[in-house]
Protein backbone atom coordinates (compact mmCIF):
# COMPACT_ATOMS: atom_id res chain seq x y z
CA MET A 1 106.07 109.77 97.13
CA ASN A 2 102.31 110.17 96.70
CA THR A 3 100.69 106.71 98.19
CA ALA A 4 97.31 107.80 98.93
CA GLY A 5 96.56 107.52 94.90
CA HIS A 6 95.46 109.97 92.65
CA GLN A 7 91.46 109.56 93.47
CA GLU A 8 90.34 111.98 96.35
CA ALA A 9 87.62 111.36 98.57
CA THR A 10 83.87 111.84 97.05
CA ALA A 11 80.75 112.24 99.08
CA ARG A 12 79.49 110.01 96.92
CA ARG A 13 78.63 106.12 98.62
CA GLY A 14 80.97 102.42 98.10
CA LEU A 15 83.95 101.41 99.26
CA GLU A 16 86.86 103.45 97.15
CA LEU A 17 89.50 101.54 97.00
CA THR A 18 92.69 104.33 95.77
CA PRO A 19 95.70 102.64 94.47
CA PHE A 20 99.12 103.33 96.21
CA ARG A 21 103.55 103.06 95.06
CA GLY A 22 104.02 99.91 97.04
CA LEU A 23 107.05 99.23 99.58
CA ARG A 24 107.92 95.90 99.01
CA TYR A 25 110.95 94.03 100.27
CA ASP A 26 113.93 93.43 96.86
CA PRO A 27 114.34 90.23 96.35
CA ASP A 28 118.19 90.15 95.91
CA ARG A 29 118.51 91.82 99.50
CA VAL A 30 116.84 89.44 101.57
CA GLY A 31 117.57 86.01 101.83
CA SER A 32 114.16 84.86 101.13
CA LEU A 33 110.45 86.35 100.66
CA ALA A 34 109.48 83.90 102.84
CA ALA A 35 111.60 83.95 105.66
CA VAL A 36 110.77 88.09 105.84
CA THR A 37 107.35 87.43 106.40
CA SER A 38 105.12 87.20 109.83
CA PRO A 39 101.88 86.51 110.29
CA PRO A 40 99.93 89.96 111.04
CA TYR A 41 101.13 91.44 114.92
CA ASP A 42 98.15 90.27 117.22
CA VAL A 43 98.82 86.73 116.15
CA VAL A 44 102.31 86.74 117.00
CA VAL A 45 101.61 86.58 120.52
CA ARG A 46 103.95 84.10 122.23
CA PRO A 47 107.29 85.34 122.89
CA ASP A 48 108.63 81.87 121.09
CA GLY A 49 106.99 82.94 117.69
CA LEU A 50 108.01 86.45 117.89
CA HIS A 51 111.80 85.17 118.52
CA HIS A 52 111.97 82.81 115.75
CA LEU A 53 110.56 85.41 113.57
CA GLN A 54 113.65 87.30 114.67
CA ASP A 55 115.83 84.33 114.23
CA ALA A 56 114.31 83.89 110.41
CA ASP A 57 116.19 86.78 108.82
CA PRO A 58 116.98 90.32 110.04
CA TYR A 59 114.77 91.57 108.21
CA ASN A 60 112.06 89.83 108.99
CA ILE A 61 108.70 91.86 109.17
CA VAL A 62 107.92 91.57 112.95
CA ARG A 63 110.79 93.71 113.69
CA LEU A 64 108.36 97.14 112.50
CA ILE A 65 105.04 95.70 113.45
CA LEU A 66 106.47 94.25 116.87
CA PRO A 67 109.47 96.30 117.79
CA GLN A 68 111.16 95.29 120.85
CA ALA A 69 112.68 97.88 123.62
CA ASP A 70 111.69 98.34 127.35
CA THR A 71 109.10 101.49 126.23
CA ALA A 72 106.13 101.98 124.25
CA ASP A 73 108.37 105.52 122.94
CA ALA A 74 111.90 103.22 122.84
CA ARG A 75 110.03 100.55 120.71
CA ASN A 76 108.24 103.43 117.76
CA ASP A 77 111.34 104.85 117.33
CA GLN A 78 113.17 102.06 116.87
CA ALA A 79 110.62 100.94 114.34
CA ALA A 80 111.28 104.18 112.95
CA THR A 81 114.78 103.72 112.74
CA THR A 82 114.57 100.31 111.19
CA LEU A 83 111.94 101.20 108.47
CA ARG A 84 114.25 104.38 107.95
CA ARG A 85 117.36 102.41 107.73
CA TRP A 86 116.14 99.53 105.71
CA LEU A 87 114.66 102.42 102.84
CA SER A 88 118.38 104.10 102.38
CA GLU A 89 120.00 100.72 102.36
CA GLY A 90 117.39 99.34 99.17
CA VAL A 91 116.02 96.31 101.04
CA LEU A 92 112.50 98.27 100.69
CA THR A 93 111.81 99.13 97.19
CA THR A 94 108.91 101.56 96.18
CA ASP A 95 106.96 100.50 92.98
CA PRO A 96 107.34 102.86 90.35
CA GLU A 97 103.85 103.47 89.82
CA PRO A 98 99.93 102.97 91.68
CA GLY A 99 98.60 100.32 91.91
CA LEU A 100 96.63 98.20 92.82
CA TYR A 101 97.36 94.45 94.09
CA VAL A 102 96.18 91.29 93.72
CA TYR A 103 97.12 88.83 96.26
CA GLU A 104 96.48 84.67 96.07
CA GLN A 105 97.12 82.62 99.35
CA ARG A 106 97.05 78.89 98.62
CA ASP A 107 97.39 75.47 100.65
CA GLY A 108 97.66 71.86 100.15
CA GLU A 109 94.26 71.18 101.25
CA GLY A 110 92.51 73.24 98.74
CA MET A 111 92.16 76.59 100.23
CA LEU A 112 91.75 78.95 97.58
CA GLN A 113 91.70 82.87 98.57
CA ARG A 114 92.14 85.61 96.12
CA GLY A 115 91.48 88.97 96.74
CA ILE A 116 92.52 93.22 95.83
CA ILE A 117 94.68 94.99 98.32
CA GLY A 118 94.49 98.98 97.95
CA ALA A 119 94.57 102.06 99.56
CA LEU A 120 91.10 102.39 101.13
CA ARG A 121 88.77 105.70 102.21
CA VAL A 122 88.61 105.33 105.57
CA THR A 123 84.92 106.28 106.33
CA GLU A 124 82.69 107.13 109.65
CA PRO A 125 80.41 104.33 111.18
CA SER A 126 77.13 106.14 109.89
CA GLU A 127 78.24 105.43 106.11
CA ASP A 128 77.32 101.77 107.07
CA LEU A 129 80.12 100.42 104.95
CA VAL A 130 82.53 99.28 106.46
CA LEU A 131 80.77 96.71 109.20
CA PRO A 132 82.71 96.21 112.45
CA HIS A 133 81.64 92.91 114.42
CA GLU A 134 83.53 93.12 117.01
CA ASP A 135 84.55 95.94 119.88
CA VAL A 136 88.00 96.96 120.58
CA MET A 137 90.28 98.05 123.72
CA PRO A 138 91.51 101.37 123.59
CA HIS A 139 94.84 100.53 125.02
CA VAL A 140 95.63 98.61 121.39
CA VAL A 141 94.70 100.80 119.84
CA ALA A 142 96.60 103.75 121.09
CA ASP A 143 99.36 101.30 120.60
CA ARG A 144 99.12 101.10 117.07
CA ALA A 145 98.25 105.02 116.46
CA ALA A 146 101.71 105.29 118.02
CA LEU A 147 103.41 103.14 116.07
CA MET A 148 101.98 104.16 112.84
CA ARG A 149 102.14 107.66 113.94
CA ALA A 150 106.03 106.73 114.05
CA THR A 151 106.51 105.44 111.29
CA SER A 152 104.09 107.06 108.49
CA ALA A 153 103.25 103.67 107.55
CA ASN A 154 100.38 101.16 106.95
CA LEU A 155 102.47 98.58 107.74
CA GLU A 156 100.00 95.83 107.06
CA PRO A 157 97.36 95.40 105.76
CA LEU A 158 93.66 94.51 107.61
CA LEU A 159 91.35 91.49 105.88
CA LEU A 160 88.28 92.28 104.82
CA THR A 161 85.42 90.92 102.61
CA TYR A 162 82.48 91.30 100.57
CA ARG A 163 79.48 89.42 99.58
CA GLY A 164 79.57 89.54 95.31
CA ASN A 165 77.22 87.55 93.44
CA GLY A 166 78.66 84.56 92.81
CA THR A 167 79.79 85.22 89.87
CA ALA A 168 82.33 87.05 87.48
CA THR A 169 81.63 90.31 89.09
CA ASP A 170 84.02 93.14 87.09
CA THR A 171 86.51 92.82 89.96
CA THR A 172 87.02 88.81 89.59
CA ALA A 173 87.33 89.17 86.59
CA VAL A 174 89.64 91.58 86.25
CA ILE A 175 92.00 89.08 89.05
CA GLU A 176 91.33 86.20 87.07
CA ARG A 177 92.71 87.87 84.00
CA THR A 178 95.56 89.02 86.32
CA ILE A 179 96.95 85.73 87.77
CA GLU A 180 97.45 84.67 83.93
CA GLY A 181 100.32 86.69 83.83
CA PRO A 182 103.84 86.28 85.33
CA PRO A 183 103.42 87.41 89.58
CA LEU A 184 105.87 90.27 91.31
CA PHE A 185 106.52 87.05 93.46
CA ALA A 186 105.92 83.44 94.39
CA THR A 187 106.87 82.32 97.81
CA THR A 188 106.38 79.39 99.81
CA THR A 189 105.75 80.05 103.98
CA GLU A 190 106.56 77.36 106.82
CA ASP A 191 103.20 76.90 107.06
CA GLY A 192 102.30 76.08 104.00
CA PHE A 193 100.77 78.57 102.37
CA SER A 194 101.84 79.54 99.28
CA HIS A 195 101.72 83.42 98.41
CA ARG A 196 101.34 85.16 95.15
CA LEU A 197 101.41 88.66 93.80
CA TRP A 198 100.03 90.78 91.27
CA SER A 199 99.66 94.64 90.19
CA ILE A 200 97.25 95.84 88.52
CA THR A 201 98.24 99.27 86.80
CA ASP A 202 96.19 100.08 82.95
CA PRO A 203 93.68 102.80 83.06
CA ALA A 204 90.88 100.71 82.23
CA ASP A 205 91.51 96.98 85.00
CA LEU A 206 91.65 99.95 87.72
CA ALA A 207 88.52 101.26 86.72
CA ARG A 208 86.49 98.68 86.66
CA VAL A 209 87.57 97.01 89.71
CA GLN A 210 86.92 101.07 91.58
CA SER A 211 83.21 101.43 89.68
CA ASP A 212 82.81 97.94 91.29
CA LEU A 213 83.14 98.32 95.11
CA THR A 214 81.56 101.08 94.65
CA LEU A 215 78.39 98.89 94.78
CA ARG A 216 79.82 97.23 98.28
CA GLN A 217 79.75 96.55 101.41
CA ALA A 218 82.60 95.54 103.44
CA LEU A 219 82.87 93.25 106.56
CA ILE A 220 85.87 93.54 108.99
CA ALA A 221 86.85 90.02 108.67
CA ASP A 222 90.49 91.00 110.64
CA GLY A 223 91.68 93.98 111.62
CA HIS A 224 88.99 95.68 113.96
CA HIS A 225 92.00 97.45 115.78
CA ARG A 226 94.00 98.50 113.11
CA TRP A 227 90.38 100.42 111.85
CA ALA A 228 89.69 102.22 114.26
CA THR A 229 93.63 103.62 114.72
CA TYR A 230 93.09 104.24 110.75
CA ARG A 231 90.30 106.59 111.82
CA ARG A 232 91.83 107.80 114.25
CA LEU A 233 95.27 108.90 112.49
CA ARG A 234 92.31 110.81 110.09
CA ALA A 235 90.25 112.88 112.48
CA GLU A 236 93.76 114.06 113.81
CA HIS A 237 95.42 114.60 110.81
CA GLY A 238 92.48 116.40 108.75
CA SER A 239 91.18 116.44 105.25
CA PRO A 240 91.95 115.72 102.85
CA SER A 241 94.98 113.89 103.77
CA PRO A 242 97.21 110.49 102.93
CA TRP A 243 95.32 109.62 106.50
CA ASP A 244 91.81 109.42 104.82
CA TYR A 245 93.20 105.56 103.56
CA GLY A 246 94.19 102.78 105.24
CA LEU A 247 95.49 100.02 103.61
CA VAL A 248 93.50 96.47 103.17
CA LEU A 249 92.59 93.47 101.37
CA LEU A 250 89.16 92.83 100.13
CA VAL A 251 88.39 89.66 99.21
CA ASP A 252 85.01 88.60 97.80
CA THR A 253 84.38 85.73 100.10
CA ALA A 254 80.68 83.89 97.31
CA ARG A 255 83.08 83.20 95.55
CA TYR A 256 86.51 82.70 97.85
CA PRO A 257 85.25 81.78 100.83
CA LEU A 258 86.99 82.15 104.00
CA ARG A 259 87.45 80.27 107.07
CA VAL A 260 86.20 81.54 109.95
CA ARG A 261 87.59 79.43 113.67
CA ALA A 262 87.52 80.67 117.11
CA ILE A 263 90.05 82.15 119.36
CA HIS A 264 90.62 80.98 122.30
CA ARG A 265 91.46 82.33 125.36
CA LEU A 266 93.97 81.46 127.96
CA LEU A 267 93.36 82.50 131.92
CA HIS A 268 97.35 82.95 133.12
CA ASP A 269 95.97 82.46 137.27
CA LEU A 270 93.09 80.41 136.80
CA PRO A 271 94.07 76.87 138.28
CA VAL A 272 91.60 74.08 135.86
CA PRO A 273 90.79 72.74 139.35
CA ASP A 274 89.87 76.12 140.29
CA ALA A 275 87.83 76.71 137.33
CA LEU A 276 86.25 74.06 137.19
CA ALA A 277 84.54 74.19 140.81
CA ALA A 278 83.37 77.50 140.18
CA LEU A 279 81.56 76.23 136.98
CA ASP A 280 79.17 74.31 140.37
CA GLY A 281 75.07 73.94 140.40
CA HIS A 282 76.19 76.70 137.04
CA PHE A 283 76.82 73.90 134.07
CA ARG A 284 77.58 70.46 133.27
CA VAL A 285 81.06 69.56 133.60
CA ARG A 286 82.29 66.25 131.90
CA ARG A 287 85.93 65.11 131.78
CA LEU A 288 87.00 63.73 128.71
CA GLU A 289 90.66 61.79 128.28
CA VAL A 290 91.06 61.61 124.38
CA PRO A 291 93.46 63.32 122.64
CA LEU A 292 93.02 67.00 121.22
CA ALA A 293 90.74 66.34 118.18
CA GLU A 294 88.35 64.25 119.56
CA ALA A 295 88.11 66.84 121.99
CA LEU A 296 87.34 69.24 119.63
CA GLU A 297 84.65 66.67 117.68
CA ALA A 298 82.94 66.32 121.17
CA LEU A 299 82.91 70.18 121.63
CA ALA A 300 81.14 70.71 118.02
CA ASP A 301 78.64 68.22 118.93
CA ALA A 302 78.12 70.07 122.04
CA ALA A 303 77.47 73.51 120.91
CA CYS A 304 75.03 72.49 117.93
CA ALA A 305 72.88 72.01 120.94
CA GLY A 306 73.88 75.36 122.79
CA ASN A 307 76.87 77.01 124.97
CA ALA A 308 80.17 74.66 124.84
CA TYR A 309 83.03 74.90 125.44
CA LEU A 310 86.36 72.89 126.27
CA LEU A 311 88.26 73.94 129.56
CA ALA A 312 92.05 72.21 129.53
CA GLY A 313 95.61 72.86 131.31
CA ASP A 314 95.58 70.04 133.62
CA GLY A 315 96.60 67.58 130.92
CA ALA A 316 92.74 66.68 130.35
CA PHE A 317 89.59 68.00 129.20
CA HIS A 318 86.85 69.15 130.03
CA LEU A 319 83.59 69.61 128.30
CA VAL A 320 81.62 72.75 129.80
CA ASP A 321 77.77 72.70 128.65
CA ASP A 322 74.28 72.91 129.05
CA PRO A 323 74.22 76.03 131.63
CA ASP A 324 71.40 77.54 133.80
CA PRO A 325 68.93 79.09 131.84
CA ALA A 326 68.14 81.32 135.48
CA LEU A 327 71.98 82.19 135.21
CA LEU A 328 71.86 83.75 132.10
CA ASP A 329 68.95 85.48 132.76
CA ARG A 330 70.68 86.74 135.13
CA THR A 331 73.06 87.52 133.69
CA ILE A 332 73.25 88.44 129.80
CA PRO A 333 71.72 92.33 128.67
CA THR A 334 68.67 91.79 127.28
CA ASP A 335 68.48 94.84 125.71
CA ARG A 336 70.88 92.85 122.46
CA PRO A 337 69.03 90.43 119.53
CA ALA A 338 68.96 86.49 120.23
CA ALA A 339 71.19 85.55 118.04
CA TRP A 340 73.64 87.83 119.77
CA ARG A 341 72.88 86.99 123.54
CA THR A 342 73.02 83.22 122.39
CA LEU A 343 76.65 83.39 121.38
CA ASP A 344 79.49 81.40 123.09
CA ALA A 345 81.41 84.71 123.94
CA THR A 346 78.19 86.14 124.90
CA VAL A 347 78.12 83.91 127.97
CA LEU A 348 82.54 83.67 128.45
CA HIS A 349 82.10 87.12 128.92
CA ALA A 350 79.49 87.85 130.78
CA THR A 351 78.99 85.01 132.42
CA LEU A 352 81.79 82.82 132.55
CA LEU A 353 84.00 86.21 132.93
CA ALA A 354 82.67 88.54 134.28
CA HIS A 355 80.40 86.41 136.92
CA ILE A 356 81.74 83.52 138.20
CA TRP A 357 85.89 83.72 137.45
CA HIS A 358 85.73 87.67 138.44
CA ILE A 359 88.43 88.30 135.56
CA PRO A 360 88.35 91.59 133.66
CA GLU A 361 88.26 91.04 130.15
CA ASP A 362 91.16 93.01 128.76
CA ASP A 363 93.29 92.68 131.50
CA PRO A 364 96.28 91.14 130.05
CA THR A 365 97.65 90.16 133.13
CA ARG A 366 94.86 87.70 133.81
CA ILE A 367 93.93 86.69 130.02
CA ALA A 368 95.51 86.35 126.49
CA TYR A 369 93.48 85.70 123.33
CA ILE A 370 95.17 83.25 121.04
CA HIS A 371 94.01 82.09 118.12
CA ASP A 372 96.02 78.34 117.68
CA THR A 373 94.50 75.52 119.57
CA ALA A 374 97.63 73.38 120.61
CA ALA A 375 99.36 76.41 121.63
CA THR A 376 96.53 77.56 123.76
CA VAL A 377 96.14 73.63 125.80
CA LYS A 378 100.28 73.83 125.47
CA LYS A 379 100.82 77.11 126.88
CA ALA A 380 98.33 76.89 129.82
CA GLU A 381 100.03 72.78 131.29
CA SER A 382 102.85 74.70 131.46
CA ASP A 383 101.61 78.39 133.74
CA GLY A 384 99.40 76.35 135.43
CA GLY A 385 96.50 78.85 134.04
CA THR A 386 93.70 77.30 132.13
CA ALA A 387 92.51 77.44 128.26
CA VAL A 388 89.21 78.43 127.51
CA LEU A 389 88.69 76.36 123.83
CA MET A 390 85.60 77.53 121.66
CA HIS A 391 83.51 76.52 118.95
CA PRO A 392 84.12 79.06 115.63
CA VAL A 393 80.59 81.29 114.72
CA ARG A 394 78.94 81.31 111.43
CA GLU A 395 80.17 83.78 108.85
CA ASP A 396 76.31 84.44 108.55
CA VAL A 397 75.29 85.11 111.96
CA VAL A 398 78.60 87.32 112.23
CA ARG A 399 77.50 89.37 109.49
CA ASP A 400 74.04 89.54 110.07
CA LEU A 401 74.81 90.36 113.43
CA ALA A 402 76.95 93.77 111.85
CA ARG A 403 74.14 94.38 109.43
CA GLN A 404 72.34 95.02 112.35
CA GLY A 405 75.13 97.77 113.77
CA VAL A 406 75.48 94.52 116.76
CA THR A 407 78.74 94.27 117.44
CA MET A 408 79.94 90.76 119.12
CA PRO A 409 82.44 90.29 122.27
CA ARG A 410 85.49 90.92 121.71
CA LYS A 411 87.96 88.49 119.66
CA SER A 412 84.67 86.09 119.19
CA THR A 413 85.88 85.29 115.71
CA SER A 414 89.50 84.53 113.03
CA PHE A 415 89.01 84.72 109.86
CA GLY A 416 91.34 83.10 107.27
CA PRO A 417 94.19 82.54 106.04
CA LYS A 418 95.12 85.90 107.25
CA PRO A 419 97.25 87.94 104.92
CA ALA A 420 100.74 88.01 105.62
CA SER A 421 102.41 90.58 107.29
CA GLY A 422 105.41 92.49 105.39
CA LEU A 423 104.24 91.74 101.29
CA ALA A 424 102.97 95.20 100.37
CA LEU A 425 103.23 98.23 103.12
CA ARG A 426 102.21 101.56 102.09
CA THR A 427 103.83 105.08 103.36
CA LEU A 428 102.48 108.51 104.22
CA ASP A 429 104.66 110.83 104.49
CA GLY A 430 105.76 111.33 100.66
């Protein structure tokens, strides 16, 4: 099967999104489409969440994106074997013709996201077309690359955003006409989000979308490590090849704004009393005997005036703010823009983690990155560690820094809603 699309990469500038033959679950072979989906691999970080998804359905996509075995090689072999078995059994089937896919997510609170899933030409940073805003961890890139090599597949799409003009561009016009027809499927996952998918196969519609996107510049909203993996694997395989492309979801945030949320830190072996004691004389600390929602409101208020964090894990919340300016002068690099130097994540990593608590940001035995606020607090309380709750960064700050070529500290933001994994896969080995 030809899954790289029929349009070869050219020298022109612009985003180049190509159709592909989507690999999708056969609804007649699985209990429900909702039961076989999963959040992206890096959101499913807790064992209880992983086990819950595995128990939801024997064909849940988590068995491919997060296989479980004693060694990395065994995990990747297991994923490849599972994928081959599901293909041979007809659990996963390939769409009959290449297309782009309109993907919609909607919740009960008025959140609506629509975008286009396709195979995007993988570009070099020098082309200034796909902008990262966070650094990556080499061991995570190596892990994802090994999984993609073993399966010869893009198992889940990245989330990329671009800014249209706020009105109906050619792409949004095609999207909004496409959704007037019946979807390929519709399902609602247990988080309350409804998901619908349509295919675009009409040559005129495909050409309109592709032409419109050549005018755009994309920001990586979610999937920095997978984009770095795409670039590594493209270099390994040489061009031209199907590895010149990677699976993405592109969303026009001028038309469909995303939510930007924080990613929290769990410090495994640092009890809250020890964390607080180390802050003495460096930050102001106030104990809050309030519920989580009120503590987060206090954090938001404090963040308006400067760097602020919530520490939790001992049954209370501790508002940490008002850092010593002299300490920041000593610990924050001066070769970056002011917008970067004043980020909460910058101060957390350069001052709190590196200088005060002496915790390496890339040591998984010392620190975990968790998206869910309540889960971070609960885990800290059960393990005797410290939860560091963050306030989200505005999207315009993220985009402006990315356009300057300045990357933020790792796991600084969480854009959402993230595309569910398991709705459309892309194979690369024919």
